[in-house]
Amino acid sequence: MAMVNAPIEKIAIENPIGIMSSKHRKPDQIIQPRMFGSEAQKTTCLRLKNLPQLKPTDIVGK
């Protein structure tokens, strides 16, 4: 939480679904590796400060 509250202009925090959603806030974006060329499945939450959301580059099947 120290990093979340740090006086830094741009921050990206990657975290699996879990406690941050209830202790801090909901994520700005939820991504899967398959959105970026990997067939792996791992739901990952991103909390972004002054950064754009990621855009999928190479969507592959599950």
C-alpha atoms as a PDB file:
ATOM      1  CA  MET A   1       0.000   0.000   0.000  1.00  0.00           C
ATOM      2  CA  ALA A   2       2.992   2.308   0.456  1.00  0.00           C
ATOM      3  CA  MET A   3       3.584   2.171  -3.284  1.00  0.00           C
ATOM      4  CA  VAL A   4      -0.089   2.797  -4.088  1.00  0.00           C
ATOM      5  CA  ASN A   5      -0.004   5.938  -1.964  1.00  0.00           C
ATOM      6  CA  ALA A   6       3.486   7.098  -3.020  1.00  0.00           C
ATOM      7  CA  PRO A   7       3.818  10.525  -4.660  1.00  0.00           C
ATOM      8  CA  ILE A   8       4.785   8.985  -8.010  1.00  0.00           C
ATOM      9  CA  GLU A   9       3.299  10.333 -11.254  1.00  0.00           C
ATOM     10  CA  LYS A  10       2.791   6.984 -13.012  1.00  0.00           C
ATOM     11  CA  ILE A  11       2.205   3.661 -11.310  1.00  0.00           C
ATOM     12  CA  ALA A  12       1.218   0.217 -12.612  1.00  0.00           C
ATOM     13  CA  ILE A  13       0.517  -2.495 -10.061  1.00  0.00           C
ATOM     14  CA  GLU A  14       0.031  -6.072 -11.251  1.00  0.00           C
ATOM     15  CA  ASN A  15      -1.654  -8.424  -8.831  1.00  0.00           C
ATOM     16  CA  PRO A  16      -3.739 -11.605  -9.113  1.00  0.00           C
ATOM     17  CA  ILE A  17      -7.373 -11.379  -8.080  1.00  0.00           C
ATOM     18  CA  GLY A  18      -7.370 -11.135  -4.325  1.00  0.00           C
ATOM     19  CA  ILE A  19      -7.322  -8.923  -1.314  1.00  0.00           C
ATOM     20  CA  MET A  20      -6.435  -5.643  -3.038  1.00  0.00           C
ATOM     21  CA  SER A  21      -9.919  -5.495  -4.548  1.00  0.00           C
ATOM     22  CA  SER A  22     -11.466  -5.396  -1.085  1.00  0.00           C
ATOM     23  CA  LYS A  23      -8.694  -3.534   0.788  1.00  0.00           C
ATOM     24  CA  HIS A  24      -7.944  -0.864  -1.839  1.00  0.00           C
ATOM     25  CA  ARG A  25     -10.196  -0.640  -4.908  1.00  0.00           C
ATOM     26  CA  LYS A  26     -11.325  -2.594  -7.906  1.00  0.00           C
ATOM     27  CA  PRO A  27      -8.742  -2.973 -10.688  1.00  0.00           C
ATOM     28  CA  ASP A  28      -8.670  -0.657 -13.697  1.00  0.00           C
ATOM     29  CA  GLN A  29      -8.187  -3.617 -16.009  1.00  0.00           C
ATOM     30  CA  ILE A  30      -8.283  -7.408 -15.825  1.00  0.00           C
ATOM     31  CA  ILE A  31      -6.124  -9.239 -18.356  1.00  0.00           C
ATOM     32  CA  GLN A  32      -5.239 -12.787 -19.409  1.00  0.00           C
ATOM     33  CA  PRO A  33      -1.926 -13.917 -20.981  1.00  0.00           C
ATOM     34  CA  ARG A  34      -3.953 -15.202 -23.973  1.00  0.00           C
ATOM     35  CA  MET A  35      -4.637 -11.562 -24.883  1.00  0.00           C
ATOM     36  CA  PHE A  36      -0.911 -11.198 -25.590  1.00  0.00           C
ATOM     37  CA  GLY A  37       0.055 -14.404 -27.404  1.00  0.00           C
ATOM     38  CA  SER A  38       0.336 -16.969 -24.597  1.00  0.00           C
ATOM     39  CA  GLU A  39      -2.138 -19.825 -24.212  1.00  0.00           C
ATOM     40  CA  ALA A  40      -1.672 -19.753 -20.434  1.00  0.00           C
ATOM     41  CA  GLN A  41      -4.556 -18.710 -18.232  1.00  0.00           C
ATOM     42  CA  LYS A  42      -3.841 -16.469 -15.245  1.00  0.00           C
ATOM     43  CA  THR A  43      -6.285 -13.734 -14.406  1.00  0.00           C
ATOM     44  CA  THR A  44      -4.266 -10.652 -13.547  1.00  0.00           C
ATOM     45  CA  CYS A  45      -5.531  -7.344 -12.231  1.00  0.00           C
ATOM     46  CA  LEU A  46      -3.926  -4.030 -13.087  1.00  0.00           C
ATOM     47  CA  ARG A  47      -4.269  -0.881 -11.043  1.00  0.00           C
ATOM     48  CA  LEU A  48      -3.102   2.056 -13.109  1.00  0.00           C
ATOM     49  CA  LYS A  49      -2.294   5.632 -12.176  1.00  0.00           C
ATOM     50  CA  ASN A  50      -1.914   8.031 -15.120  1.00  0.00           C
ATOM     51  CA  LEU A  51      -1.316   5.171 -17.557  1.00  0.00           C
ATOM     52  CA  PRO A  52      -3.519   3.850 -20.389  1.00  0.00           C
ATOM     53  CA  GLN A  53      -5.017   0.379 -20.288  1.00  0.00           C
ATOM     54  CA  LEU A  54      -3.172  -2.333 -22.192  1.00  0.00           C
ATOM     55  CA  LYS A  55      -4.526  -3.206 -25.629  1.00  0.00           C
ATOM     56  CA  PRO A  56      -4.536  -6.885 -26.646  1.00  0.00           C
ATOM     57  CA  THR A  57      -1.882  -7.547 -29.287  1.00  0.00           C
ATOM     58  CA  ASP A  58      -2.219 -11.238 -30.206  1.00  0.00           C
ATOM     59  CA  ILE A  59      -5.332 -12.997 -28.904  1.00  0.00           C
ATOM     60  CA  VAL A  60      -4.995 -16.798 -28.906  1.00  0.00           C
ATOM     61  CA  GLY A  61      -7.434 -19.556 -27.897  1.00  0.00           C
ATOM     62  CA  LYS A  62      -7.872 -20.884 -24.398  1.00  0.00           C
END
